[in-house]
Structures are given as C-alpha cells and as structure tokens.
C-alpha cells in the first residue's frame, strides 16, 4: 500500500488530522492498535476552546458541537467556604468555552471518516514507523496474522503518551516531567450539573474538587485523592459526601446525586517532549505532551498541534513549501509551554500538597482572595482559560 500521510492513532487528534488532510485532497490512512469501540469508551476531557470549536467546523464536523455543546461564560472558585464567580466572557471581550465531551468529538470524527470512505485500520498490532529520517518513510503493522507495509511521504504520531511514535525516537528527545503527589477520583453520572453554565473549582482543607458537565443531563465530578487509593475504596455514597464537604454550603445543597456510570482514579503529571519533528515523523497531542486536567488544556493543545501540522503538510503538498514543516516544532512548543505554565499554576493553587497544611493553606487562600479581587489577575486567568491566541 501507499498513501501520502500515515497517521498513527485514531483518537481525536489523529481523526481530526485525517479529516483536515482529506478536506485538502491529501490521502491518508490511520492505524489504531485498539478497536473502535475501545477508543469510544475512553472518558476524557470535555471543555473546548473556541479555537478547537472553529477547527471542528473547518474540518466539516461542527454540527455536533453546535447541537450538543453547552457554552460556558464563567468559572467559579470555591475557597474558605465561599463561592466567587470569574466572568470569563466579560474579561476576554466575549470569548467562551464549550462543554462537549471528547467521546462525542471522537464519534463525530469517526462518522465523518466512515461517510467519506476513508481507511482506518483498527486493532493494528506491532505498528512500527521506519525510514523517517530519510526521504522514503514507511510503517509496518500486523493484522489478521499477516505483516503489512504502507509507504508514505510523512508519518504523524498521534498515538498518545504510551504510543510507539515517541518510543521510536526516545534517543532523540529531551523529556521534561513533573509528577504530582495525588490523583483525581472522577465520577460520571446521569444527573443534571450543579452549575449548567459554569465550571466550579474548589479549594478546601480536605483537598481539591471540580464540578463540570458533559451535557444538561450528564455531570462529571472530581475530588483529589491519594495515589494509594483504589476505586473500590470509594462507594458512591462516600464520593457524594466528600464532594459536598469541599464546596460552599449553598452549592453542596444543590447537588443532585445518582449512581455512577463510570468511576476512575487518574494520576496527574506535567510532561513535554522536545522536539516534535524527526525528519518525516511528527509528534502531536499526548504523544508529545501531557498537562494536568486542572486547566482543561489536553484536548485543546492536541487540536492546536493538529492545526499547525495540517497546515504545514497542506503547504508542503499543495505549495511545495517546507516552511510550515520546518517551524512546526517551534510553533507548537511555544504554545505548549504557555499552557503547561497555566495548568501547573492552577494545579498548584487549587490542590492540597503535603506542605500546604497550616501556612501553605493560608498562602493559597490569600492568593485566591487576591485573584478574585484583582481584575488584572482575574483577566489573566480568563485569558488562559479560554485559550491564548494562536
């Protein structure tokens, strides 16, 4: 087989890249080691920056987010038992974020790819990018007991943190990482969100909490927990009780509880791999960087990578220019590090660390008090939250 671009990974970043390339007339094949059902079963982020929403429209798959997304104009911070709104819309000149689950984004992109008759190989085993340091790259994989080879012009590694793409260049990357000493216990429930037009971040002596939504009838809640905890340690009743204890009394009273339909504990880390281009192999999304979910930047950073990469490849094929390709890594990393800074700052501000008892907790509360009473700092938070300009 031969194609112009092989995309490794059929998550939202790989599917979005494939759709943008297809719209530009560039042939591509996607390889995914899991099944399509498995990909759709992964519960991930659900807050989209305007840049990401615009990119979905550019790819021709914006109908879903228009119909099912919920616009958020503000966020709310809870500390010292009180809730404080941050008018994101007003502080950024009218910008907003949209609640729309990653599963829905993935489903929309899968449907568009199937409708266009584009090739995606699911359950492709032993995927291996090769020859990318020269001018004749190719990818091999195993399927149905046979080994297959796809020759191509470029390879896009969109296969996540544990994927083969970054592993293939492990001797050529410099990695930067911070692992946080706690995790997030997340619960998904078919209950109306406690705040349908805002995301609520809580800082308390008991730890961090987050109230968000997937739709007007489905909510996603989190509480900070030790990494040593197990999901089975947390009954639904214990979770709801703990969440209420970390919020202000009025909000705690408004929470509608129900059985969890998904419950998991996720560790938090900040991670960046540099560079993101290796000859004719490019890294994008979680293959190159991870942010703590506190700032809702993971999916949005991946979409930005894809925007830059799609533009660079389109420029290469249609205009015979290598300018976009040559500057891809530099352009992505500048935005990535700014998002990493914001996510680290918000994580540090809202969570209870081993050294935040007593003095540390009071310092957090003082900074939060300054934040909600300073238009300048509130504006900085709002600008980063909705997404910095490209």
Protein backbone atom coordinates (compact mmCIF):
# COMPACT_ATOMS: atom_id res chain seq x y z
CA UNK A 1 0.00 0.00 0.00
CA UNK A 2 0.95 3.61 -0.44
CA UNK A 3 -0.51 6.88 0.79
CA UNK A 4 0.69 10.41 1.37
CA UNK A 5 0.39 10.50 5.17
CA UNK A 6 0.17 7.64 7.66
CA UNK A 7 -1.44 8.70 10.93
CA UNK A 8 -0.73 6.51 13.95
CA UNK A 9 -3.58 6.74 16.44
CA UNK A 10 -7.35 7.09 15.95
CA UNK A 11 -8.09 9.30 18.91
CA UNK A 12 -9.48 12.79 18.35
CA UNK A 13 -6.13 14.28 17.26
CA UNK A 14 -5.44 11.59 14.66
CA UNK A 15 -9.00 11.63 13.36
CA UNK A 16 -9.06 15.42 13.18
CA UNK A 17 -5.78 15.50 11.29
CA UNK A 18 -7.07 12.89 8.87
CA UNK A 19 -10.25 14.89 8.27
CA UNK A 20 -8.39 18.17 7.65
CA UNK A 21 -5.99 16.49 5.23
CA UNK A 22 -8.87 14.80 3.42
CA UNK A 23 -10.64 18.15 3.01
CA UNK A 24 -7.47 19.44 1.33
CA UNK A 25 -7.27 16.43 -1.01
CA UNK A 26 -4.36 14.73 0.79
CA UNK A 27 -4.61 10.95 1.06
CA UNK A 28 -4.12 9.40 4.48
CA UNK A 29 -4.51 6.11 6.34
CA UNK A 30 -4.99 5.83 10.10
CA UNK A 31 -3.64 2.91 12.13
CA UNK A 32 -5.05 2.23 15.60
CA UNK A 33 -3.96 -0.59 17.92
CA UNK A 34 -7.31 -0.72 19.75
CA UNK A 35 -10.82 -1.36 18.47
CA UNK A 36 -13.14 1.49 17.56
CA UNK A 37 -15.42 0.64 20.49
CA UNK A 38 -12.46 0.82 22.88
CA UNK A 39 -11.48 4.24 21.58
CA UNK A 40 -15.03 5.50 22.16
CA UNK A 41 -15.10 4.04 25.67
CA UNK A 42 -12.30 6.30 26.91
CA UNK A 43 -13.72 9.04 29.14
CA UNK A 44 -11.69 12.21 28.72
CA UNK A 45 -11.90 16.00 28.72
CA UNK A 46 -15.00 17.88 27.72
CA UNK A 47 -14.15 21.60 27.61
CA UNK A 48 -13.36 23.04 24.18
CA UNK A 49 -11.68 26.36 23.49
CA UNK A 50 -13.07 28.48 20.66
CA UNK A 51 -10.00 27.60 18.58
CA UNK A 52 -10.95 23.92 18.84
CA UNK A 53 -14.61 24.55 18.02
CA UNK A 54 -13.55 26.59 14.97
CA UNK A 55 -11.25 23.78 13.87
CA UNK A 56 -14.08 21.24 14.06
CA UNK A 57 -16.11 23.49 11.77
CA UNK A 58 -13.14 23.82 9.42
CA UNK A 59 -12.99 20.03 9.27
CA UNK A 60 -16.71 19.86 8.44
CA UNK A 61 -17.72 18.20 11.72
CA UNK A 62 -19.03 21.15 13.72
CA UNK A 63 -22.70 20.20 13.65
CA UNK A 64 -22.41 18.01 16.74
CA UNK A 65 -20.85 20.62 18.99
CA UNK A 66 -23.33 23.23 17.74
CA UNK A 67 -26.27 20.98 18.59
CA UNK A 68 -24.99 19.30 21.74
CA UNK A 69 -22.44 21.68 23.22
CA UNK A 70 -23.17 24.00 26.15
CA UNK A 71 -21.47 27.38 26.22
CA UNK A 72 -19.83 28.47 29.48
CA UNK A 73 -19.43 32.19 30.18
CA UNK A 74 -17.79 31.91 33.58
CA UNK A 75 -16.00 29.75 36.09
CA UNK A 76 -16.47 29.75 39.86
CA UNK A 77 -13.84 29.37 42.57
CA UNK A 78 -14.76 28.00 46.00
CA UNK A 79 -12.44 28.61 48.95
CA UNK A 80 -12.88 29.36 52.64
CA UNK A 81 -16.46 28.13 52.30
CA UNK A 82 -17.48 30.82 49.80
CA UNK A 83 -18.01 30.83 46.02
CA UNK A 84 -16.61 33.53 43.73
CA UNK A 85 -17.53 33.89 40.03
CA UNK A 86 -14.96 34.83 37.36
CA UNK A 87 -16.67 36.44 34.36
CA UNK A 88 -14.60 34.81 31.63
CA UNK A 89 -16.84 36.18 28.87
CA UNK A 90 -16.64 39.76 30.08
CA UNK A 91 -12.93 39.71 30.91
CA UNK A 92 -11.88 38.40 27.48
CA UNK A 93 -14.01 40.57 25.23
CA UNK A 94 -16.68 37.95 24.61
CA UNK A 95 -14.74 34.69 24.44
CA UNK A 96 -16.24 31.48 25.86
CA UNK A 97 -15.54 27.76 26.23
CA UNK A 98 -17.94 24.98 25.25
CA UNK A 99 -18.73 21.81 27.19
CA UNK A 100 -18.76 18.91 24.72
CA UNK A 101 -17.29 15.53 25.62
CA UNK A 102 -14.23 14.09 23.94
CA UNK A 103 -16.23 10.92 23.26
CA UNK A 104 -18.71 12.97 21.23
CA UNK A 105 -15.90 14.71 19.33
CA UNK A 106 -14.39 11.32 18.52
CA UNK A 107 -17.74 9.88 17.46
CA UNK A 108 -18.40 12.85 15.14
CA UNK A 109 -14.98 12.45 13.52
CA UNK A 110 -15.38 8.69 13.15
CA UNK A 111 -18.74 9.16 11.44
CA UNK A 112 -17.33 11.74 9.03
CA UNK A 113 -14.41 9.45 8.17
CA UNK A 114 -16.70 6.49 7.57
CA UNK A 115 -19.04 8.59 5.42
CA UNK A 116 -16.11 9.72 3.28
CA UNK A 117 -14.94 6.11 2.85
CA UNK A 118 -11.50 6.79 4.31
CA UNK A 119 -9.38 3.91 5.55
CA UNK A 120 -8.85 3.31 9.25
CA UNK A 121 -7.21 0.07 10.35
CA UNK A 122 -8.31 -0.83 13.87
CA UNK A 123 -6.60 -3.49 16.00
CA UNK A 124 -3.36 -2.98 14.09
CA UNK A 125 -0.66 -4.72 16.12
CA UNK A 126 3.09 -4.10 16.27
CA UNK A 127 2.88 -0.77 14.46
CA UNK A 128 6.35 0.50 13.65
CA UNK A 129 7.33 3.75 11.88
CA UNK A 130 10.53 3.33 9.87
CA UNK A 131 12.75 5.21 7.44
CA UNK A 132 11.51 8.60 8.62
CA UNK A 133 15.00 10.07 8.88
CA UNK A 134 15.35 9.65 5.10
CA UNK A 135 13.02 10.55 2.24
CA UNK A 136 11.21 7.20 1.99
CA UNK A 137 9.37 6.58 5.25
CA UNK A 138 7.06 3.63 5.77
CA UNK A 139 5.04 1.99 8.51
CA UNK A 140 4.64 -1.73 9.16
CA UNK A 141 1.93 -3.41 11.21
CA UNK A 142 0.38 -6.82 11.82
CA UNK A 143 -3.26 -7.64 11.17
CA UNK A 144 -5.08 -10.97 10.85
CA UNK A 145 -1.83 -12.89 11.14
CA UNK A 146 -0.08 -11.04 8.31
CA UNK A 147 2.50 -8.23 8.23
CA UNK A 148 1.57 -5.19 6.15
CA UNK A 149 3.60 -2.22 4.92
CA UNK A 150 2.43 1.27 3.97
CA UNK A 151 4.84 3.52 2.10
CA UNK A 152 4.21 7.22 2.53
CA UNK A 153 5.64 10.73 2.42
CA UNK A 154 5.13 11.62 6.08
CA UNK A 155 4.16 9.95 9.37
CA UNK A 156 2.08 11.65 12.08
CA UNK A 157 2.39 10.19 15.58
CA UNK A 158 -0.94 10.86 17.29
CA UNK A 159 -0.89 7.73 19.45
CA UNK A 160 -0.73 9.14 22.94
CA UNK A 161 1.67 9.10 25.85
CA UNK A 162 2.30 5.34 25.73
CA UNK A 163 2.35 5.05 21.92
CA UNK A 164 5.04 3.76 19.62
CA UNK A 165 5.74 7.09 17.91
CA UNK A 166 7.67 8.78 20.72
CA UNK A 167 9.17 5.43 21.72
CA UNK A 168 10.65 5.23 18.21
CA UNK A 169 12.65 8.41 18.81
CA UNK A 170 13.37 8.02 22.53
CA UNK A 171 17.10 8.56 22.00
CA UNK A 172 16.44 11.85 20.18
CA UNK A 173 14.04 13.57 22.57
CA UNK A 174 14.56 15.56 25.74
CA UNK A 175 11.80 14.97 28.26
CA UNK A 176 10.59 17.35 30.96
CA UNK A 177 8.27 15.97 33.63
CA UNK A 178 6.65 16.76 36.95
CA UNK A 179 4.56 14.08 38.68
CA UNK A 180 2.07 15.32 41.27
CA UNK A 181 1.64 13.53 44.61
CA UNK A 182 -2.11 12.92 44.25
CA UNK A 183 -4.75 11.82 41.79
CA UNK A 184 -8.27 12.73 40.72
CA UNK A 185 -11.16 10.44 41.56
CA UNK A 186 -13.70 11.09 38.82
CA UNK A 187 -17.36 10.13 38.72
CA UNK A 188 -19.66 10.34 35.70
CA UNK A 189 -23.37 10.33 36.48
CA UNK A 190 -26.63 10.87 34.63
CA UNK A 191 -27.62 13.80 36.81
CA UNK A 192 -28.11 17.48 35.95
CA UNK A 193 -24.99 19.57 36.56
CA UNK A 194 -24.91 21.62 39.72
CA UNK A 195 -24.00 24.66 37.62
CA UNK A 196 -25.11 24.38 33.96
CA UNK A 197 -23.21 27.44 32.72
CA UNK A 198 -20.03 27.43 34.78
CA UNK A 199 -17.29 25.06 35.94
CA UNK A 200 -16.71 25.08 39.69
CA UNK A 201 -13.21 24.69 41.15
CA UNK A 202 -12.96 24.06 44.87
CA UNK A 203 -10.02 24.54 47.25
CA UNK A 204 -10.53 23.32 50.80
CA UNK A 205 -8.58 21.89 53.70
CA UNK A 206 -9.89 18.49 52.59
CA UNK A 207 -8.44 18.92 49.08
CA UNK A 208 -9.44 19.94 45.58
CA UNK A 209 -12.83 19.40 43.93
CA UNK A 210 -14.27 20.08 40.48
CA UNK A 211 -17.85 20.23 39.25
CA UNK A 212 -18.25 20.05 35.47
CA UNK A 213 -20.66 18.65 32.93
CA UNK A 214 -20.95 16.66 29.72
CA UNK A 215 -24.50 17.79 28.92
CA UNK A 216 -27.55 19.21 30.70
CA UNK A 217 -28.36 15.69 31.90
CA UNK A 218 -24.87 14.24 32.47
CA UNK A 219 -22.33 15.50 35.01
CA UNK A 220 -18.66 14.90 35.71
CA UNK A 221 -17.31 15.46 39.22
CA UNK A 222 -13.84 15.04 40.73
CA UNK A 223 -12.18 15.06 44.13
CA UNK A 224 -8.47 14.99 44.89
CA UNK A 225 -7.39 11.72 46.47
CA UNK A 226 -4.16 9.94 47.46
CA UNK A 227 -2.47 7.91 44.73
CA UNK A 228 -2.67 4.92 47.04
CA UNK A 229 -6.50 4.93 46.94
CA UNK A 230 -8.38 2.32 44.92
CA UNK A 231 -11.66 2.87 43.09
CA UNK A 232 -13.26 0.16 45.18
CA UNK A 233 -12.43 2.20 48.30
CA UNK A 234 -14.94 4.80 47.14
CA UNK A 235 -18.61 3.93 47.22
CA UNK A 236 -20.96 6.37 45.51
CA UNK A 237 -22.24 7.47 48.89
CA UNK A 238 -18.73 8.22 50.15
CA UNK A 239 -17.92 10.18 46.99
CA UNK A 240 -21.01 12.40 47.14
CA UNK A 241 -20.49 13.06 50.84
CA UNK A 242 -16.85 14.05 50.28
CA UNK A 243 -17.69 16.29 47.33
CA UNK A 244 -20.27 18.20 49.38
CA UNK A 245 -17.75 18.75 52.18
CA UNK A 246 -15.39 20.52 49.76
CA UNK A 247 -17.95 23.02 48.42
CA UNK A 248 -19.76 26.02 49.85
CA UNK A 249 -22.99 25.14 51.71
CA UNK A 250 -25.39 26.55 49.12
CA UNK A 251 -23.78 24.67 46.23
CA UNK A 252 -23.47 21.47 48.25
CA UNK A 253 -27.20 21.56 48.90
CA UNK A 254 -27.95 21.90 45.18
CA UNK A 255 -26.04 18.80 44.05
CA UNK A 256 -28.29 16.12 42.56
CA UNK A 257 -26.78 12.70 43.28
CA UNK A 258 -27.22 9.42 41.47
CA UNK A 259 -25.46 6.15 40.68
CA UNK A 260 -22.08 6.48 38.96
CA UNK A 261 -21.90 5.17 35.40
CA UNK A 262 -18.10 5.47 35.35
CA UNK A 263 -15.60 5.89 38.16
CA UNK A 264 -11.83 6.06 37.89
CA UNK A 265 -8.69 7.47 39.52
CA UNK A 266 -6.24 9.33 37.29
CA UNK A 267 -2.73 10.42 38.33
CA UNK A 268 -1.63 13.95 37.43
CA UNK A 269 1.55 14.88 35.60
CA UNK A 270 3.08 17.64 33.50
CA UNK A 271 5.17 16.33 30.61
CA UNK A 272 6.78 17.73 27.46
CA UNK A 273 9.00 16.05 24.86
CA UNK A 274 11.23 18.19 22.65
CA UNK A 275 11.48 18.45 19.70
CA UNK A 276 8.28 17.30 17.95
CA UNK A 277 9.69 16.69 14.46
CA UNK A 278 12.16 13.99 13.44
CA UNK A 279 12.74 14.12 9.72
CA UNK A 280 9.44 12.97 8.26
CA UNK A 281 7.92 11.87 11.57
CA UNK A 282 5.90 14.35 13.65
CA UNK A 283 4.54 14.01 17.17
CA UNK A 284 1.20 15.58 18.07
CA UNK A 285 -1.07 15.62 21.10
CA UNK A 286 -0.39 13.37 24.08
CA UNK A 287 2.48 11.72 22.22
CA UNK A 288 4.41 14.94 22.87
CA UNK A 289 2.88 16.48 25.98
CA UNK A 290 0.62 15.92 28.97
CA UNK A 291 -0.93 18.61 31.16
CA UNK A 292 -2.77 18.20 34.45
CA UNK A 293 -6.50 18.30 33.66
CA UNK A 294 -6.99 21.26 36.00
CA UNK A 295 -6.84 23.81 33.18
CA UNK A 296 -8.74 21.74 30.57
CA UNK A 297 -5.87 22.08 28.07
CA UNK A 298 -5.12 18.50 26.97
CA UNK A 299 -7.56 18.08 24.09
CA UNK A 300 -7.24 21.73 23.11
CA UNK A 301 -3.44 21.56 22.89
CA UNK A 302 -3.75 18.44 20.75
CA UNK A 303 -6.14 20.27 18.43
CA UNK A 304 -3.68 23.15 18.12
CA UNK A 305 -0.87 20.74 17.24
CA UNK A 306 -3.12 19.27 14.57
CA UNK A 307 -3.95 22.71 13.20
CA UNK A 308 -0.27 23.54 12.82
CA UNK A 309 0.60 20.10 11.41
CA UNK A 310 -2.27 20.01 8.94
CA UNK A 311 -1.35 23.49 7.73
CA UNK A 312 2.30 22.52 7.34
CA UNK A 313 1.50 19.34 5.38
CA UNK A 314 -1.05 21.10 3.18
CA UNK A 315 1.56 23.79 2.46
CA UNK A 316 4.09 21.09 1.60
CA UNK A 317 1.86 19.13 -0.76
CA UNK A 318 -0.03 21.98 -2.41
CA UNK A 319 2.54 24.79 -2.40
CA UNK A 320 5.80 22.80 -2.32
CA UNK A 321 6.98 24.84 0.65
CA UNK A 322 8.74 23.37 3.70
CA UNK A 323 8.33 26.49 5.84
CA UNK A 324 5.48 25.10 7.94
CA UNK A 325 7.20 21.77 8.43
CA UNK A 326 10.48 23.41 9.44
CA UNK A 327 8.79 25.59 12.06
CA UNK A 328 6.23 23.04 13.30
CA UNK A 329 8.03 22.03 16.48
CA UNK A 330 8.95 25.58 17.48
CA UNK A 331 5.41 26.90 16.93
CA UNK A 332 3.78 24.08 18.87
CA UNK A 333 6.20 24.17 21.79
CA UNK A 334 5.78 27.89 22.41
CA UNK A 335 2.04 27.39 22.90
CA UNK A 336 2.52 24.13 24.78
CA UNK A 337 4.81 25.64 27.40
CA UNK A 338 2.43 28.54 27.99
CA UNK A 339 -0.39 26.05 28.56
CA UNK A 340 1.87 23.93 30.78
CA UNK A 341 2.61 27.01 32.89
CA UNK A 342 -1.08 27.81 33.31
CA UNK A 343 -2.03 24.23 34.15
CA UNK A 344 0.81 23.95 36.67
CA UNK A 345 -0.14 27.26 38.29
CA UNK A 346 -3.82 26.41 38.60
CA UNK A 347 -2.99 22.93 39.91
CA UNK A 348 -0.60 24.38 42.48
CA UNK A 349 -3.17 26.97 43.56
CA UNK A 350 -6.18 24.67 43.95
CA UNK A 351 -4.79 21.40 45.37
CA UNK A 352 -3.65 20.37 48.81
CA UNK A 353 0.02 19.36 48.71
CA UNK A 354 1.95 17.66 51.52
CA UNK A 355 3.32 21.09 52.52
CA UNK A 356 0.05 23.07 52.31
CA UNK A 357 -1.12 22.38 55.84
CA UNK A 358 -1.21 25.45 58.02
CA UNK A 359 0.96 28.17 56.45
CA UNK A 360 0.74 26.74 52.92
CA UNK A 361 -3.06 26.57 53.05
CA UNK A 362 -3.26 30.18 54.24
CA UNK A 363 -0.97 31.29 51.40
CA UNK A 364 -3.25 29.56 48.88
CA UNK A 365 -6.30 31.25 50.36
CA UNK A 366 -4.55 34.65 50.31
CA UNK A 367 -3.64 34.23 46.64
CA UNK A 368 -7.19 33.15 45.81
CA UNK A 369 -8.53 36.19 47.66
CA UNK A 370 -6.19 38.41 45.65
CA UNK A 371 -7.19 36.63 42.43
CA UNK A 372 -10.93 37.16 42.78
CA UNK A 373 -10.47 40.81 43.84
CA UNK A 374 -7.91 41.77 41.19
CA UNK A 375 -9.23 42.49 37.71
CA UNK A 376 -5.72 42.09 36.29
CA UNK A 377 -5.17 38.61 37.75
CA UNK A 378 -8.76 37.55 37.01
CA UNK A 379 -8.22 38.65 33.39
CA UNK A 380 -5.02 36.61 33.19
CA UNK A 381 -6.89 33.54 34.45
CA UNK A 382 -9.74 34.13 32.00
CA UNK A 383 -7.42 34.70 29.01
CA UNK A 384 -5.56 31.46 29.66
CA UNK A 385 -8.75 29.53 30.34
CA UNK A 386 -10.42 30.39 27.03
CA UNK A 387 -7.15 29.79 25.17
CA UNK A 388 -4.34 32.12 24.23
CA UNK A 389 -4.24 33.41 20.62
CA UNK A 390 -2.51 31.26 18.03
